[in-house]
Amino acid sequence: MKIGIDVGGTNTDAVLIDGTEVLAGVKSPTMSDVALGITESLRRLQSAFPFDPTQIDAVMIGTTHFINALVEAERLAPTAAIRLGLPATSGLPPFVGWPTRITDAVKALPYMCHGGHEFDGREISPIDREEVRRAVRDAVARGARSFAISSVFSPVNPEFEQMAAEIIGIEFPELPVSLSNEIGRVGLLERENATIINAALRDLSAEVCSSLDQSLMALDINAPLFLSQNDGTLMDVDFARKYPVATFASGPTNSMRGAAYLSGIKDCIVVDVGGTTTDVGVLQSGFPREAATEIEVAGIRTNFRMPDVLSVGVGGGSRIRFDDGVTVGPDSVGYRVTEEALVFGGQTLTATDIMVAAGDTVIGDPERVKHLDRSLVYAARDEIHRRITETVDRMRTSSDPVPVIAVGGGAFLVPEQMACASEVTRPAYSGVANAIGAAIAQVGGEVDRIFAIPAGKREEVLDQAREEAIGKAIAAGAKASTVQIVEIDELPLAYLPGNASRVRIKAVGDLPTSK
């Protein structure tokens, strides 16, 4: 038996799964103290389906703790960024292009030292250990509590980053160090930014992981704890302490994985309707399609693994106005929908009220919306349907109609039929698909870097990359006998010498059962 929990901006969802059967699913409002909200969700789950805590094999949590901290620029550690690349890269120092409020929050301390490599592993310049040591001491004297190390083309050769980490470990062993070759992909600035964000969240991640452990202990659940990653796989709690940035997009990812599980459809478009927004993503072979470009997070360009998701400001709590035509959102009452919507006795006209008045769903007290003008109700419903359909259409990669799975607490906003959809499915338990996605997730490992492929050695190089991806999945907690390769991308780079190709390989495996 496994428990899946997903903490969203509006609701915290929890499900109990036994093998492949969903035994119970509950929703509760997300609290400002997220750990307290998780404890409350577990209590509700225990009430909905009494279970013996000793029978739980694993608990999987998708949390918004870390993305919220970055967006709100709160609880971030003072961070020093040391880049190894001189004499190259001096034109754009670390933290370039960051919003001022976030650089202020992390007390940005940028340093540039000699080092770095070319794409084929040749040195740009040798690392100067004394130069790095001086930078580290200066950063700590100025208040740094966490370090981000980046080096040019470190995904090809991480040697200099590891040497810099050793220096910090000797000088200040108590301070956390984040290495860019372990976090981002090829692309120095974006990879460096992702690493700095990760470093700024390290103190918070230690705190959050401890509080999540305590939430489980409060209910006598001693099962291992895992956190959802951006790509639909899991990491154990020790891994999460080191790489909090890997949880940023776990919400939409969990919903998509849960939709595939509930519907049995592995290739489709998933529409996840929450209280404030609708997230639309694409499933390929049961996993979210990943964004091919850099991703902006809180105004900062990054390039770590993120699902390709298009969001639109339409949700169950979206405010409806008829001042000049029909306006839906983008502002929303969010988690207060159960207090402020008309059908719940509130004073705010929301998208939920419109769908109840139109007869599309029964929520709250339908009598409270009978007075609404029918023509305005249908006009508002048409606008909601139009915006969701338009977003789905933008995510298609061909003109062929595709299956659409509607999930989330506001799935009733999705129209029954769309010109771009071959079918629209609302599976059972679709309201808690995100928590189900967390509960059924596997453990993954990925390799994404540039390889120089000698003539006649292509398979040898690919085998090496496969082994590396499998090794990463096992290191992240996967059971070795279950690990398999699920994705291989190879992109020849004609503009680089040496028959270079960018190779990306993803491996996933199941969790070892604890009982």
Protein backbone atom coordinates (compact mmCIF):
# COMPACT_ATOMS: atom_id res chain seq x y z
CA MET A 1 0.00 0.00 0.00
CA LYS A 2 1.20 3.49 -0.92
CA ILE A 3 0.08 7.00 -0.08
CA GLY A 4 0.34 9.81 -2.64
CA ILE A 5 0.04 13.46 -1.62
CA ASP A 6 0.07 16.54 -3.84
CA VAL A 7 0.22 20.04 -2.36
CA GLY A 8 -1.33 22.58 -4.73
CA GLY A 9 -1.97 26.29 -4.39
CA THR A 10 -5.65 25.63 -3.62
CA ASN A 11 -5.96 22.06 -2.31
CA THR A 12 -3.81 19.36 -0.79
CA ASP A 13 -4.90 15.98 -2.20
CA ALA A 14 -4.13 12.56 -0.73
CA VAL A 15 -4.83 9.04 -2.04
CA LEU A 16 -4.37 5.53 -0.71
CA ILE A 17 -3.43 2.89 -3.30
CA ASP A 18 -3.19 -0.85 -2.79
CA GLY A 19 -1.31 -2.38 -5.72
CA THR A 20 -3.19 -0.94 -8.70
CA GLU A 21 -6.45 -0.20 -6.85
CA VAL A 22 -7.33 3.29 -5.58
CA LEU A 23 -8.89 2.73 -2.14
CA ALA A 24 -9.63 6.34 -1.19
CA GLY A 25 -8.96 9.93 -2.22
CA VAL A 26 -9.50 13.12 -0.18
CA LYS A 27 -9.12 16.87 -0.69
CA SER A 28 -8.40 19.47 1.96
CA PRO A 29 -7.52 23.19 1.69
CA THR A 30 -3.81 23.94 1.45
CA MET A 31 -2.54 25.62 4.61
CA SER A 32 0.15 28.28 4.93
CA ASP A 33 2.05 25.71 7.03
CA VAL A 34 2.32 23.03 4.33
CA ALA A 35 3.49 20.27 6.70
CA LEU A 36 0.45 20.89 8.90
CA GLY A 37 -1.78 20.66 5.80
CA ILE A 38 -0.18 17.31 4.90
CA THR A 39 -0.84 15.98 8.40
CA GLU A 40 -4.48 17.06 8.12
CA SER A 41 -4.79 15.35 4.69
CA LEU A 42 -3.41 12.11 6.15
CA ARG A 43 -5.92 12.29 9.00
CA ARG A 44 -8.78 12.74 6.50
CA LEU A 45 -7.45 9.82 4.47
CA GLN A 46 -7.39 7.66 7.62
CA SER A 47 -11.03 8.64 8.28
CA ALA A 48 -12.13 7.93 4.68
CA PHE A 49 -10.47 4.48 4.64
CA PRO A 50 -9.06 3.30 7.99
CA PHE A 51 -5.64 1.72 7.41
CA ASP A 52 -2.90 0.26 9.55
CA PRO A 53 0.12 2.66 9.38
CA THR A 54 2.49 -0.32 9.50
CA GLN A 55 1.02 -1.59 6.19
CA ILE A 56 2.18 1.50 4.25
CA ASP A 57 5.18 0.70 2.02
CA ALA A 58 5.97 4.23 0.84
CA VAL A 59 4.71 7.82 0.92
CA MET A 60 5.16 10.06 -2.14
CA ILE A 61 4.73 13.83 -1.88
CA GLY A 62 4.58 16.49 -4.57
CA THR A 63 5.12 19.83 -2.86
CA THR A 64 5.08 23.53 -3.78
CA HIS A 65 7.32 24.50 -0.84
CA PHE A 66 10.36 25.35 -2.92
CA ILE A 67 8.85 27.07 -5.96
CA ASN A 68 6.76 29.21 -3.56
CA ALA A 69 9.87 30.23 -1.61
CA LEU A 70 11.56 31.39 -4.83
CA VAL A 71 8.51 33.18 -6.25
CA GLU A 72 7.88 34.93 -2.92
CA ALA A 73 11.67 35.56 -2.44
CA GLU A 74 11.42 34.30 1.14
CA ARG A 75 13.48 31.86 3.24
CA LEU A 76 16.36 31.86 0.72
CA ALA A 77 19.93 31.34 1.97
CA PRO A 78 22.67 33.93 1.29
CA THR A 79 24.38 32.36 -1.74
CA ALA A 80 27.78 32.69 -3.43
CA ALA A 81 28.12 31.70 -7.09
CA ILE A 82 31.62 30.71 -8.22
CA ARG A 83 32.05 30.33 -11.98
CA LEU A 84 35.13 28.60 -13.42
CA GLY A 85 35.66 29.97 -16.93
CA LEU A 86 38.17 32.83 -17.06
CA PRO A 87 39.51 34.23 -19.27
CA ALA A 88 36.29 33.35 -21.15
CA THR A 89 32.73 34.28 -19.97
CA SER A 90 33.75 37.49 -18.16
CA GLY A 91 31.24 39.60 -20.13
CA LEU A 92 28.20 38.16 -18.31
CA PRO A 93 28.83 37.52 -14.60
CA PRO A 94 26.74 35.18 -12.39
CA PHE A 95 23.25 36.53 -11.46
CA VAL A 96 23.02 38.48 -14.75
CA GLY A 97 19.39 39.22 -15.66
CA TRP A 98 18.00 38.21 -12.25
CA PRO A 99 15.12 40.21 -10.72
CA THR A 100 16.49 42.61 -8.09
CA ARG A 101 14.13 41.39 -5.36
CA ILE A 102 15.56 37.85 -5.67
CA THR A 103 19.23 38.91 -5.82
CA ASP A 104 18.52 40.95 -2.68
CA ALA A 105 16.87 37.94 -1.01
CA VAL A 106 19.86 35.65 -1.72
CA LYS A 107 22.37 38.45 -0.96
CA ALA A 108 23.97 37.63 -4.33
CA LEU A 109 27.75 37.12 -4.17
CA PRO A 110 29.20 36.49 -7.68
CA TYR A 111 32.80 35.30 -8.27
CA MET A 112 34.66 34.37 -11.46
CA CYS A 113 37.79 32.22 -11.43
CA HIS A 114 40.01 30.51 -14.00
CA GLY A 115 39.01 27.09 -15.34
CA GLY A 116 36.38 25.55 -17.64
CA HIS A 117 36.50 23.20 -20.62
CA GLU A 118 35.69 23.14 -24.31
CA PHE A 119 32.83 20.94 -25.56
CA ASP A 120 35.26 18.06 -26.17
CA GLY A 121 36.77 18.17 -22.67
CA ARG A 122 39.89 20.26 -23.44
CA GLU A 123 40.76 22.85 -20.76
CA ILE A 124 40.04 26.54 -21.39
CA SER A 125 42.55 27.32 -18.64
CA PRO A 126 43.82 25.39 -15.59
CA ILE A 127 41.98 25.83 -12.30
CA ASP A 128 43.79 28.06 -9.79
CA ARG A 129 43.15 26.48 -6.38
CA GLU A 130 44.41 29.49 -4.46
CA GLU A 131 42.13 31.81 -6.46
CA VAL A 132 39.12 29.59 -5.62
CA ARG A 133 40.17 29.43 -1.95
CA ARG A 134 40.36 33.25 -1.75
CA ALA A 135 36.88 33.56 -3.33
CA VAL A 136 35.42 31.03 -0.88
CA ARG A 137 36.90 32.75 2.18
CA ASP A 138 35.74 36.17 0.98
CA ALA A 139 32.21 34.86 0.34
CA VAL A 140 31.91 33.37 3.84
CA ALA A 141 33.29 36.57 5.39
CA ARG A 142 30.49 38.43 3.55
CA GLY A 143 27.80 36.09 4.91
CA ALA A 144 27.46 33.25 2.36
CA ARG A 145 25.67 30.18 3.75
CA SER A 146 25.54 28.12 0.53
CA PHE A 147 27.69 27.75 -2.62
CA ALA A 148 26.81 27.24 -6.30
CA ILE A 149 29.72 26.07 -8.49
CA SER A 150 29.53 26.26 -12.29
CA SER A 151 32.20 25.54 -14.88
CA VAL A 152 32.07 25.93 -18.66
CA PHE A 153 30.93 22.63 -20.24
CA SER A 154 30.91 20.84 -16.88
CA PRO A 155 28.31 18.29 -18.14
CA VAL A 156 31.12 17.10 -20.45
CA ASN A 157 33.89 17.28 -17.83
CA PRO A 158 32.90 17.95 -14.19
CA GLU A 159 36.50 17.75 -12.91
CA PHE A 160 36.95 21.46 -12.02
CA GLU A 161 33.58 21.72 -10.25
CA GLN A 162 34.49 18.71 -8.13
CA MET A 163 37.89 20.23 -7.29
CA ALA A 164 36.23 23.50 -6.21
CA ALA A 165 33.76 21.53 -4.06
CA GLU A 166 36.70 19.74 -2.38
CA ILE A 167 38.27 23.11 -1.51
CA ILE A 168 35.01 24.32 0.09
CA GLY A 169 34.66 20.97 1.92
CA ILE A 170 38.10 21.41 3.47
CA GLU A 171 37.65 25.10 4.36
CA PHE A 172 33.99 25.06 5.47
CA PRO A 173 32.70 21.46 5.69
CA GLU A 174 29.40 22.57 7.26
CA LEU A 175 28.27 24.60 4.21
CA PRO A 176 26.24 22.98 1.38
CA VAL A 177 27.64 23.00 -2.16
CA SER A 178 25.60 22.61 -5.39
CA LEU A 179 27.38 21.59 -8.62
CA SER A 180 25.94 22.65 -11.99
CA ASN A 181 26.86 19.38 -13.77
CA GLU A 182 24.44 17.56 -11.43
CA ILE A 183 21.53 19.97 -11.95
CA GLY A 184 21.25 21.57 -15.41
CA ARG A 185 21.99 20.78 -19.02
CA VAL A 186 24.37 22.21 -21.61
CA GLY A 187 24.00 26.02 -21.65
CA LEU A 188 26.17 27.86 -19.13
CA LEU A 189 24.00 30.75 -17.91
CA GLU A 190 20.78 28.75 -17.61
CA ARG A 191 22.57 25.83 -15.91
CA GLU A 192 24.35 28.22 -13.56
CA ASN A 193 21.05 29.94 -12.68
CA ALA A 194 19.39 26.62 -11.85
CA THR A 195 22.36 25.75 -9.63
CA ILE A 196 22.22 29.09 -7.78
CA ILE A 197 18.49 28.61 -7.15
CA ASN A 198 19.19 25.12 -5.83
CA ALA A 199 21.94 26.44 -3.53
CA ALA A 200 19.65 29.18 -2.20
CA LEU A 201 17.04 26.54 -1.28
CA ARG A 202 19.37 24.06 0.46
CA ASP A 203 18.74 25.36 4.00
CA LEU A 204 14.99 25.34 3.42
CA SER A 205 15.08 21.82 1.92
CA ALA A 206 16.76 20.42 5.04
CA GLU A 207 14.05 22.08 7.16
CA VAL A 208 11.15 20.97 4.93
CA CYS A 209 12.32 17.36 4.63
CA SER A 210 12.60 17.13 8.42
CA SER A 211 9.09 18.58 8.89
CA LEU A 212 7.66 16.14 6.31
CA ASP A 213 9.27 13.27 8.21
CA GLN A 214 7.67 14.58 11.41
CA SER A 215 4.25 14.77 9.69
CA LEU A 216 4.46 11.03 8.99
CA MET A 217 5.81 10.16 12.43
CA ALA A 218 2.90 12.04 14.06
CA LEU A 219 0.60 9.40 12.51
CA ASP A 220 2.96 6.45 13.23
CA ILE A 221 3.80 6.02 9.53
CA ASN A 222 7.39 4.76 9.33
CA ALA A 223 7.46 4.11 5.57
CA PRO A 224 10.18 5.66 3.39
CA LEU A 225 9.38 9.14 2.07
CA PHE A 226 9.87 10.21 -1.56
CA LEU A 227 9.35 13.55 -3.32
CA SER A 228 8.08 14.02 -6.90
CA GLN A 229 10.44 15.45 -9.50
CA ASN A 230 9.73 17.70 -12.48
CA ASP A 231 9.96 14.83 -14.98
CA GLY A 232 7.39 12.53 -13.33
CA THR A 233 9.87 10.39 -11.41
CA LEU A 234 10.71 10.24 -7.69
CA MET A 235 13.67 11.03 -5.49
CA ASP A 236 14.21 9.85 -1.93
CA VAL A 237 14.24 12.39 0.88
CA ASP A 238 18.06 12.51 1.11
CA PHE A 239 18.27 13.27 -2.62
CA ALA A 240 15.59 15.98 -2.16
CA ARG A 241 17.67 17.64 0.54
CA LYS A 242 20.46 18.11 -2.03
CA TYR A 243 18.33 18.95 -5.10
CA PRO A 244 15.19 20.89 -4.03
CA VAL A 245 15.06 22.59 -7.44
CA ALA A 246 14.04 19.24 -8.98
CA THR A 247 10.56 19.53 -7.40
CA PHE A 248 9.50 22.81 -9.08
CA ALA A 249 7.02 21.43 -11.63
CA SER A 250 5.89 18.33 -9.77
CA GLY A 251 2.23 19.48 -9.62
CA PRO A 252 1.37 19.43 -13.35
CA THR A 253 3.66 16.43 -13.86
CA ASN A 254 1.85 14.39 -11.20
CA SER A 255 -1.51 15.26 -12.74
CA MET A 256 -0.38 14.06 -16.16
CA ARG A 257 1.08 10.80 -14.82
CA GLY A 258 -2.09 10.24 -12.76
CA ALA A 259 -4.26 10.86 -15.83
CA ALA A 260 -2.32 8.21 -17.80
CA TYR A 261 -2.73 5.74 -14.94
CA LEU A 262 -6.47 6.35 -14.46
CA SER A 263 -7.39 6.38 -18.15
CA GLY A 264 -4.95 3.75 -19.43
CA ILE A 265 -4.05 6.15 -22.27
CA LYS A 266 -0.30 6.73 -22.63
CA ASP A 267 -0.28 9.23 -25.52
CA CYS A 268 -2.70 12.12 -25.11
CA ILE A 269 -3.20 15.71 -23.97
CA VAL A 270 -4.00 16.22 -20.28
CA VAL A 271 -6.06 19.19 -19.09
CA ASP A 272 -5.61 19.78 -15.34
CA VAL A 273 -8.10 22.34 -14.02
CA GLY A 274 -7.37 23.78 -10.58
CA GLY A 275 -8.86 26.64 -8.62
CA THR A 276 -6.91 29.39 -10.38
CA THR A 277 -5.37 28.02 -13.60
CA THR A 278 -5.76 25.30 -16.19
CA ASP A 279 -2.51 23.49 -17.07
CA VAL A 280 -2.35 21.66 -20.40
CA GLY A 281 0.45 19.19 -21.11
CA VAL A 282 1.26 16.33 -23.49
CA LEU A 283 1.87 12.71 -22.48
CA GLN A 284 4.23 10.60 -24.59
CA SER A 285 4.54 6.93 -23.60
CA GLY A 286 3.02 7.78 -20.22
CA PHE A 287 5.55 10.53 -19.37
CA PRO A 288 5.17 14.31 -19.82
CA ARG A 289 6.72 15.84 -22.92
CA GLU A 290 9.62 17.95 -21.73
CA ALA A 291 10.14 21.56 -22.74
CA ALA A 292 12.79 21.88 -25.44
CA THR A 293 13.69 25.48 -24.60
CA GLU A 294 14.92 27.21 -21.49
CA ILE A 295 12.31 27.74 -18.80
CA GLU A 296 11.71 30.96 -16.88
CA VAL A 297 11.11 30.45 -13.18
CA ALA A 298 10.25 33.60 -11.17
CA GLY A 299 11.82 35.68 -13.97
CA ILE A 300 15.08 33.64 -14.05
CA ARG A 301 16.13 31.66 -17.14
CA THR A 302 16.97 28.02 -16.36
CA ASN A 303 17.36 24.79 -18.34
CA PHE A 304 16.65 21.92 -15.99
CA ARG A 305 14.12 19.19 -16.74
CA MET A 306 10.63 20.70 -16.85
CA PRO A 307 7.43 19.48 -18.52
CA ASP A 308 6.11 21.37 -21.53
CA VAL A 309 3.01 22.89 -19.94
CA LEU A 310 0.84 25.74 -21.20
CA SER A 311 -1.21 27.49 -18.51
CA VAL A 312 -4.27 29.68 -18.91
CA GLY A 313 -5.90 31.76 -16.16
CA VAL A 314 -9.14 29.79 -16.01
CA GLY A 315 -10.04 27.72 -12.94
CA GLY A 316 -12.95 26.76 -10.72
CA GLY A 317 -12.45 29.90 -8.64
CA SER A 318 -11.98 32.34 -11.57
CA ARG A 319 -14.04 35.51 -11.15
CA ILE A 320 -16.66 36.18 -13.84
CA ARG A 321 -17.54 39.75 -14.87
CA PHE A 322 -20.08 41.08 -17.38
CA ASP A 323 -18.94 44.75 -17.45
CA ASP A 324 -17.91 44.86 -21.10
CA GLY A 325 -18.78 41.50 -22.64
CA VAL A 326 -17.71 38.42 -20.67
CA THR A 327 -14.46 38.35 -18.69
CA VAL A 328 -13.20 35.10 -17.12
CA GLY A 329 -10.33 35.56 -14.64
CA PRO A 330 -7.40 35.78 -14.55
CA ASP A 331 -7.98 36.69 -10.89
CA SER A 332 -9.46 33.94 -8.77
CA VAL A 333 -10.79 33.34 -5.26
CA GLY A 334 -8.52 30.25 -5.23
CA TYR A 335 -8.89 27.98 -2.21
CA ARG A 336 -11.62 30.32 -0.84
CA VAL A 337 -14.00 29.10 -3.56
CA THR A 338 -15.90 27.01 -0.97
CA GLU A 339 -16.61 30.22 0.97
CA GLU A 340 -16.90 32.94 -1.69
CA ALA A 341 -18.68 31.26 -4.65
CA LEU A 342 -22.43 31.92 -4.89
CA VAL A 343 -23.31 28.20 -4.71
CA PHE A 344 -21.58 28.05 -1.31
CA GLY A 345 -23.35 31.12 0.07
CA GLY A 346 -20.69 33.68 -0.89
CA GLN A 347 -20.96 36.92 -2.84
CA THR A 348 -18.55 36.31 -5.76
CA LEU A 349 -19.61 35.01 -9.17
CA THR A 350 -17.11 32.32 -10.18
CA ALA A 351 -16.61 29.84 -13.02
CA THR A 352 -18.00 27.13 -10.72
CA ASP A 353 -21.26 29.08 -10.34
CA ILE A 354 -21.55 29.40 -14.13
CA MET A 355 -21.17 25.64 -14.69
CA VAL A 356 -23.71 24.85 -11.96
CA ALA A 357 -26.17 27.41 -13.40
CA ALA A 358 -25.68 25.90 -16.88
CA GLY A 359 -26.51 22.44 -15.51
CA ASP A 360 -23.06 21.00 -16.31
CA THR A 361 -22.34 19.96 -12.72
CA VAL A 362 -23.96 19.84 -9.28
CA ILE A 363 -21.89 21.49 -6.56
CA GLY A 364 -23.09 23.37 -3.49
CA ASP A 365 -26.65 24.75 -3.68
CA PRO A 366 -27.87 25.17 -7.30
CA GLU A 367 -30.82 27.27 -6.03
CA ARG A 368 -28.41 30.13 -5.27
CA VAL A 369 -27.60 30.63 -9.01
CA LYS A 370 -31.09 30.18 -10.50
CA HIS A 371 -31.53 33.96 -10.66
CA LEU A 372 -28.65 34.41 -13.13
CA ASP A 373 -29.56 35.55 -16.65
CA ARG A 374 -29.44 32.42 -18.87
CA SER A 375 -27.95 34.22 -21.87
CA LEU A 376 -25.10 35.57 -19.71
CA VAL A 377 -24.54 32.13 -18.16
CA TYR A 378 -24.21 30.48 -21.58
CA ALA A 379 -21.99 33.32 -22.86
CA ALA A 380 -19.65 32.83 -19.88
CA ARG A 381 -19.64 29.05 -20.35
CA ASP A 382 -18.82 29.46 -24.04
CA GLU A 383 -15.90 31.75 -23.16
CA ILE A 384 -14.54 29.21 -20.62
CA HIS A 385 -14.83 26.41 -23.20
CA ARG A 386 -13.25 28.55 -25.93
CA ARG A 387 -10.17 29.39 -23.87
CA ILE A 388 -9.59 25.80 -22.76
CA THR A 389 -10.10 24.45 -26.31
CA GLU A 390 -7.73 27.07 -27.71
CA THR A 391 -5.03 26.06 -25.20
CA VAL A 392 -5.43 22.35 -26.05
CA ASP A 393 -5.21 23.16 -29.76
CA ARG A 394 -1.93 25.07 -29.24
CA MET A 395 -0.34 22.00 -27.62
CA ARG A 396 -1.01 19.66 -30.57
CA THR A 397 1.94 18.83 -32.80
CA SER A 398 -0.17 17.69 -35.77
CA SER A 399 -3.58 18.46 -37.25
CA ASP A 400 -4.94 15.04 -36.18
CA PRO A 401 -7.46 15.01 -33.31
CA VAL A 402 -5.94 13.69 -30.06
CA PRO A 403 -7.44 12.04 -26.96
CA VAL A 404 -7.95 14.55 -24.12
CA ILE A 405 -8.04 13.58 -20.44
CA ALA A 406 -9.68 16.08 -18.06
CA VAL A 407 -8.51 15.94 -14.44
CA GLY A 408 -8.32 18.18 -11.38
CA GLY A 409 -10.94 19.61 -9.05
CA GLY A 410 -12.30 21.82 -11.84
CA ALA A 411 -12.44 19.16 -14.58
CA PHE A 412 -16.15 20.00 -15.09
CA LEU A 413 -15.01 23.20 -16.88
CA VAL A 414 -13.65 21.15 -19.81
CA PRO A 415 -16.17 20.84 -22.68
CA GLU A 416 -17.56 17.39 -23.54
CA GLN A 417 -16.48 17.79 -27.15
CA MET A 418 -13.69 19.72 -28.88
CA ALA A 419 -12.91 19.97 -32.57
CA CYS A 420 -9.25 19.18 -31.81
CA ALA A 421 -10.06 16.15 -29.61
CA SER A 422 -10.85 12.62 -30.75
CA GLU A 423 -12.44 12.02 -27.32
CA VAL A 424 -12.68 13.78 -23.94
CA THR A 425 -12.36 11.45 -20.95
CA ARG A 426 -12.98 12.19 -17.26
CA PRO A 427 -11.74 9.10 -15.39
CA ALA A 428 -12.88 8.11 -11.89
CA TYR A 429 -10.87 9.85 -9.15
CA SER A 430 -9.90 12.52 -11.70
CA GLY A 431 -10.20 15.16 -8.95
CA VAL A 432 -7.17 13.67 -7.16
CA ALA A 433 -5.19 12.60 -10.26
CA ASN A 434 -2.20 14.63 -9.06
CA ALA A 435 -1.94 12.65 -5.81
CA ILE A 436 -2.36 9.40 -7.77
CA GLY A 437 0.46 10.51 -10.09
CA ALA A 438 2.68 10.96 -7.04
CA ALA A 439 1.72 7.56 -5.63
CA ILE A 440 2.46 5.58 -8.82
CA ALA A 441 5.64 7.43 -9.84
CA GLN A 442 8.87 5.58 -10.56
CA VAL A 443 12.47 6.52 -9.87
CA GLY A 444 14.47 7.95 -12.77
CA GLY A 445 17.93 8.90 -13.97
CA GLU A 446 18.95 10.95 -16.99
CA VAL A 447 22.04 11.70 -19.07
CA ASP A 448 21.98 14.78 -21.31
CA ARG A 449 25.30 15.96 -22.72
CA ILE A 450 27.49 16.31 -25.79
CA PHE A 451 29.56 13.29 -26.85
CA ALA A 452 32.31 13.20 -29.47
CA ILE A 453 31.47 10.02 -31.42
CA PRO A 454 34.49 8.45 -33.20
CA ALA A 455 33.82 6.70 -36.52
CA GLY A 456 32.31 3.26 -35.98
CA LYS A 457 31.92 3.80 -32.21
CA ARG A 458 28.33 5.12 -32.06
CA GLU A 459 26.81 2.08 -30.30
CA GLU A 460 29.70 2.00 -27.85
CA VAL A 461 29.10 5.64 -26.88
CA LEU A 462 25.34 5.10 -26.60
CA ASP A 463 25.89 2.02 -24.42
CA GLN A 464 28.11 4.09 -22.14
CA ALA A 465 25.38 6.76 -21.86
CA ARG A 466 22.72 4.07 -21.20
CA GLU A 467 24.79 2.58 -18.38
CA GLU A 468 25.27 6.03 -16.89
CA ALA A 469 21.50 6.76 -16.96
CA ILE A 470 20.74 3.37 -15.39
CA GLY A 471 23.38 4.02 -12.71
CA LYS A 472 21.78 7.38 -11.90
CA ALA A 473 18.32 5.77 -11.54
CA ILE A 474 19.71 3.15 -9.16
CA ALA A 475 21.57 5.85 -7.19
CA ALA A 476 18.28 7.75 -6.86
CA GLY A 477 16.64 4.70 -5.24
CA ALA A 478 15.34 2.46 -8.07
CA LYS A 479 15.39 -1.33 -7.75
CA ALA A 480 18.19 -2.41 -10.15
CA SER A 481 16.28 -5.33 -11.72
CA THR A 482 13.36 -3.07 -12.77
CA VAL A 483 15.30 -0.23 -14.42
CA GLN A 484 14.70 0.23 -18.14
CA ILE A 485 15.47 2.86 -20.78
CA VAL A 486 12.29 4.78 -21.76
CA GLU A 487 13.68 7.53 -23.96
CA ILE A 488 16.68 8.05 -26.25
CA ASP A 489 17.30 11.28 -28.18
CA GLU A 490 20.35 11.82 -30.35
CA LEU A 491 20.95 15.16 -32.07
CA PRO A 492 24.03 15.45 -34.37
CA LEU A 493 25.70 18.87 -33.97
CA ALA A 494 27.15 19.66 -37.41
CA TYR A 495 28.56 23.01 -36.24
CA LEU A 496 30.96 21.31 -33.78
CA PRO A 497 34.09 19.36 -34.82
CA GLY A 498 34.76 15.73 -33.95
CA ASN A 499 31.39 14.25 -35.08
CA ALA A 500 29.72 15.63 -31.94
CA SER A 501 26.16 14.68 -30.93
CA ARG A 502 23.94 15.73 -28.05
CA VAL A 503 22.70 12.50 -26.45
CA ARG A 504 19.82 12.39 -23.98
CA ILE A 505 18.83 9.11 -22.36
CA LYS A 506 16.26 8.58 -19.61
CA ALA A 507 15.95 5.45 -17.46
CA VAL A 508 13.21 4.64 -14.93
CA GLY A 509 12.66 1.85 -12.44
CA ASP A 510 10.33 0.83 -9.63
CA LEU A 511 10.80 1.48 -5.95
CA PRO A 512 12.04 -1.45 -3.88
CA THR A 513 9.17 -2.51 -1.60
CA SER A 514 10.04 -2.19 2.05
CA LYS A 515 7.84 -5.10 3.17
